[in-house]
Amino acid sequence: MVVPEAVRSRRRAAAALVCAFMGAAVLAGCSNSVGGAGDTGYVAAAKTGVTNIDPGQREAAPTLSGTTLDGKKLALADYRGKVVVVNVWGSWCAPCRLEAPALEETYQKYQAKGVQFLGINVRDTNASALAFVGADGLTYPSLQDPDETLLLAFKTVVPPTDIPSSIIVDRSGKVATRIIGGTTEPQLAQALDKVLSGS
């Protein structure tokens, strides 16, 4: 059967459109409305970005506690008095791997300024998560969250399907900033400087 040239052209255009959409989505972030790394989708690029919350409008961060990847008990409240970056990630998430060096670089630069980083590792085996941490040289702790119990506690702050995401908690334990999608060192540094200055 001979396919008319007009039909072939429409098919090529449609395929190109799908590829372009998926490429942009990969740069934005990973999503999974069902759960499990085998059903990975992507966060639309339009949903990504930084939201800064004025000090007078901030709400307390949800209670967060659990077991780290190396088996220690840890809670967000343990860092009260510090500015804390909470980053949601998974070893199966390509944008998470892209942003990992920026997270570690920023952590090293801001530790002395009273900033702590805390990861929430979702939909992963402990072995996969530890391999990711080792490969990317991450030195800050991450909590295990294979069934997304911890992530769901933050559902009013960031959508549970939007991975990666980062939340900055101010010194008083309130949510000051949220970043949907992968971040960069300049973007994260700018957000941290704002929170550290009290604004």
Protein backbone atom coordinates (compact mmCIF):
# COMPACT_ATOMS: atom_id res chain seq x y z
CA MET A 1 0.00 0.00 0.00
CA VAL A 2 1.37 3.40 -0.99
CA VAL A 3 1.01 6.09 1.69
CA PRO A 4 0.31 9.56 0.23
CA GLU A 5 3.05 12.13 0.79
CA ALA A 6 0.63 14.41 2.68
CA VAL A 7 -0.10 11.64 5.20
CA ARG A 8 3.61 10.89 5.65
CA SER A 9 4.30 14.59 6.27
CA ARG A 10 1.58 14.78 8.92
CA ARG A 11 2.99 11.70 10.64
CA ARG A 12 6.52 13.13 10.65
CA ALA A 13 5.24 16.42 12.09
CA ALA A 14 3.32 14.62 14.82
CA ALA A 15 6.35 12.51 15.74
CA ALA A 16 8.56 15.59 15.92
CA LEU A 17 6.04 17.34 18.17
CA VAL A 18 5.94 14.39 20.58
CA CYS A 19 9.75 14.23 20.72
CA ALA A 20 10.02 17.96 21.37
CA PHE A 21 7.47 17.76 24.18
CA MET A 22 9.18 14.83 25.84
CA GLY A 23 12.59 16.48 25.57
CA ALA A 24 11.35 19.60 27.33
CA ALA A 25 9.67 17.50 29.98
CA VAL A 26 12.82 15.57 30.78
CA LEU A 27 14.58 18.83 31.56
CA ALA A 28 11.75 19.83 33.90
CA GLY A 29 11.39 16.81 36.15
CA CYS A 30 10.01 13.34 36.79
CA SER A 31 6.50 12.45 37.82
CA ASN A 32 4.60 9.32 38.66
CA SER A 33 0.93 9.48 39.57
CA VAL A 34 0.79 5.80 40.50
CA GLY A 35 4.17 5.17 42.09
CA GLY A 36 7.05 2.90 41.22
CA ALA A 37 9.96 3.63 38.98
CA GLY A 38 8.48 1.52 36.22
CA ASP A 39 5.72 4.04 35.59
CA THR A 40 7.79 7.20 35.30
CA GLY A 41 6.37 10.21 33.48
CA TYR A 42 7.40 13.85 33.51
CA VAL A 43 6.41 17.17 35.04
CA ALA A 44 5.30 19.71 32.45
CA ALA A 45 7.84 22.51 32.02
CA ALA A 46 5.13 25.10 32.73
CA LYS A 47 4.87 23.77 36.30
CA THR A 48 8.52 24.35 37.20
CA GLY A 49 9.90 27.39 38.96
CA VAL A 50 10.63 29.11 42.27
CA THR A 51 8.05 30.44 44.72
CA ASN A 52 9.27 32.69 47.54
CA ILE A 53 6.91 33.15 50.49
CA ASP A 54 6.91 36.39 52.48
CA PRO A 55 7.87 35.90 56.15
CA GLY A 56 4.44 36.97 57.39
CA GLN A 57 2.68 34.41 55.20
CA ARG A 58 4.83 31.37 55.91
CA GLU A 59 3.40 28.25 57.52
CA ALA A 60 5.14 25.65 59.64
CA ALA A 61 6.82 22.86 57.71
CA PRO A 62 5.18 19.46 58.11
CA THR A 63 6.62 17.07 60.67
CA LEU A 64 9.33 15.01 59.00
CA SER A 65 11.24 12.15 60.58
CA GLY A 66 12.49 8.75 59.54
CA THR A 67 15.51 6.58 58.87
CA THR A 68 18.44 7.73 56.78
CA LEU A 69 19.97 5.65 54.01
CA ASP A 70 22.69 4.55 56.43
CA GLY A 71 20.18 3.46 59.07
CA LYS A 72 20.16 6.40 61.49
CA LYS A 73 17.08 8.09 62.95
CA LEU A 74 16.73 11.72 61.88
CA ALA A 75 14.07 14.43 62.02
CA LEU A 76 13.72 17.83 60.40
CA ALA A 77 13.21 19.22 63.91
CA ASP A 78 16.79 18.20 64.73
CA TYR A 79 17.90 21.15 62.58
CA ARG A 80 15.70 23.78 64.25
CA GLY A 81 17.50 27.12 64.21
CA LYS A 82 19.11 26.36 60.85
CA VAL A 83 17.92 27.02 57.32
CA VAL A 84 17.18 23.62 55.78
CA VAL A 85 16.93 22.62 52.11
CA VAL A 86 14.69 19.56 51.77
CA ASN A 87 15.19 17.91 48.37
CA VAL A 88 12.95 15.15 46.99
CA TRP A 89 14.75 12.76 44.64
CA GLY A 90 14.96 9.26 43.22
CA SER A 91 17.80 7.35 41.60
CA TRP A 92 15.48 6.55 38.67
CA CYS A 93 14.91 10.26 37.94
CA ALA A 94 17.22 11.74 35.25
CA PRO A 95 16.66 15.40 36.28
CA CYS A 96 17.55 14.40 39.87
CA ARG A 97 20.92 13.21 38.64
CA LEU A 98 21.40 16.42 36.65
CA GLU A 99 20.80 18.63 39.69
CA ALA A 100 22.77 16.51 42.20
CA PRO A 101 26.17 18.21 41.64
CA ALA A 102 24.57 21.64 42.11
CA LEU A 103 22.96 20.52 45.37
CA GLU A 104 26.24 19.21 46.78
CA GLU A 105 28.16 22.29 45.62
CA THR A 106 25.66 24.61 47.28
CA TYR A 107 25.64 22.52 50.45
CA GLN A 108 29.42 22.80 50.74
CA LYS A 109 29.30 26.57 50.21
CA TYR A 110 26.49 27.25 52.68
CA GLN A 111 27.19 24.82 55.54
CA ALA A 112 29.26 27.41 57.38
CA LYS A 113 26.36 29.88 57.08
CA GLY A 114 24.04 27.66 59.10
CA VAL A 115 22.40 25.81 56.20
CA GLN A 116 21.66 22.08 56.28
CA PHE A 117 20.49 19.87 53.41
CA LEU A 118 18.17 16.88 53.85
CA GLY A 119 17.08 14.54 51.07
CA ILE A 120 13.89 12.50 50.79
CA ASN A 121 14.56 9.46 48.63
CA VAL A 122 11.35 8.12 47.10
CA ARG A 123 10.31 4.98 45.17
CA ASP A 124 13.74 3.41 45.53
CA THR A 125 15.50 0.43 47.01
CA ASN A 126 18.10 1.34 49.58
CA ALA A 127 20.82 -0.18 47.40
CA SER A 128 19.87 1.97 44.39
CA ALA A 129 19.72 5.09 46.52
CA LEU A 130 23.13 4.44 48.08
CA ALA A 131 24.63 3.82 44.65
CA PHE A 132 23.24 7.18 43.47
CA VAL A 133 24.64 8.98 46.52
CA GLY A 134 28.04 7.37 46.06
CA ALA A 135 28.23 8.09 42.33
CA ASP A 136 27.34 11.75 42.78
CA GLY A 137 29.34 12.30 45.96
CA LEU A 138 26.42 13.55 48.07
CA THR A 139 27.52 14.10 51.67
CA TYR A 140 24.29 15.33 53.27
CA PRO A 141 21.78 12.82 54.71
CA SER A 142 18.68 11.48 52.97
CA LEU A 143 15.66 9.81 54.52
CA GLN A 144 14.32 6.56 53.06
CA ASP A 145 10.78 6.94 51.70
CA PRO A 146 10.07 3.98 49.37
CA ASP A 147 6.29 4.20 49.77
CA GLU A 148 6.11 8.04 49.70
CA THR A 149 4.76 8.35 53.25
CA LEU A 150 7.11 11.24 54.03
CA LEU A 151 6.51 12.88 50.67
CA LEU A 152 2.74 12.88 51.21
CA ALA A 153 3.24 14.90 54.40
CA PHE A 154 4.39 17.75 52.11
CA LYS A 155 1.47 17.47 49.67
CA THR A 156 0.16 20.92 50.60
CA VAL A 157 3.59 22.40 49.87
CA VAL A 158 4.62 20.56 46.70
CA PRO A 159 2.60 18.09 44.58
CA PRO A 160 3.76 14.54 45.42
CA THR A 161 4.13 13.79 41.70
CA ASP A 162 6.62 16.61 41.10
CA ILE A 163 10.09 15.12 41.37
CA PRO A 164 12.62 16.58 41.81
CA SER A 165 11.43 19.36 44.09
CA SER A 166 13.14 21.36 46.82
CA ILE A 167 11.78 23.20 49.84
CA ILE A 168 13.67 25.75 51.92
CA VAL A 169 12.66 25.88 55.58
CA ASP A 170 13.65 29.01 57.51
CA ARG A 171 15.27 29.14 60.96
CA SER A 172 11.90 29.12 62.71
CA GLY A 173 10.78 25.95 60.93
CA LYS A 174 8.51 27.57 58.36
CA VAL A 175 8.40 26.98 54.61
CA ALA A 176 10.09 29.95 52.94
CA THR A 177 10.69 28.75 49.36
CA ARG A 178 9.64 25.94 47.08
CA ILE A 179 11.35 24.94 43.86
CA ILE A 180 9.46 22.67 41.47
CA GLY A 181 11.70 20.77 39.04
CA GLY A 182 15.46 20.50 38.94
CA THR A 183 17.46 23.39 40.36
CA THR A 184 20.87 24.95 39.72
CA GLU A 185 23.56 26.34 42.01
CA PRO A 186 22.84 30.00 41.09
CA GLN A 187 19.09 29.53 41.53
CA LEU A 188 19.45 27.78 44.87
CA ALA A 189 22.07 30.22 46.13
CA GLN A 190 19.83 33.17 45.31
CA ALA A 191 16.93 31.59 47.18
CA LEU A 192 19.10 30.77 50.19
CA ASP A 193 20.58 34.27 50.35
CA LYS A 194 17.06 35.66 50.46
CA VAL A 195 16.00 33.39 53.33
CA LEU A 196 19.24 33.92 55.26
CA SER A 197 18.76 37.69 55.05
CA GLY A 198 15.37 37.31 56.72
CA SER A 199 13.35 38.31 53.67
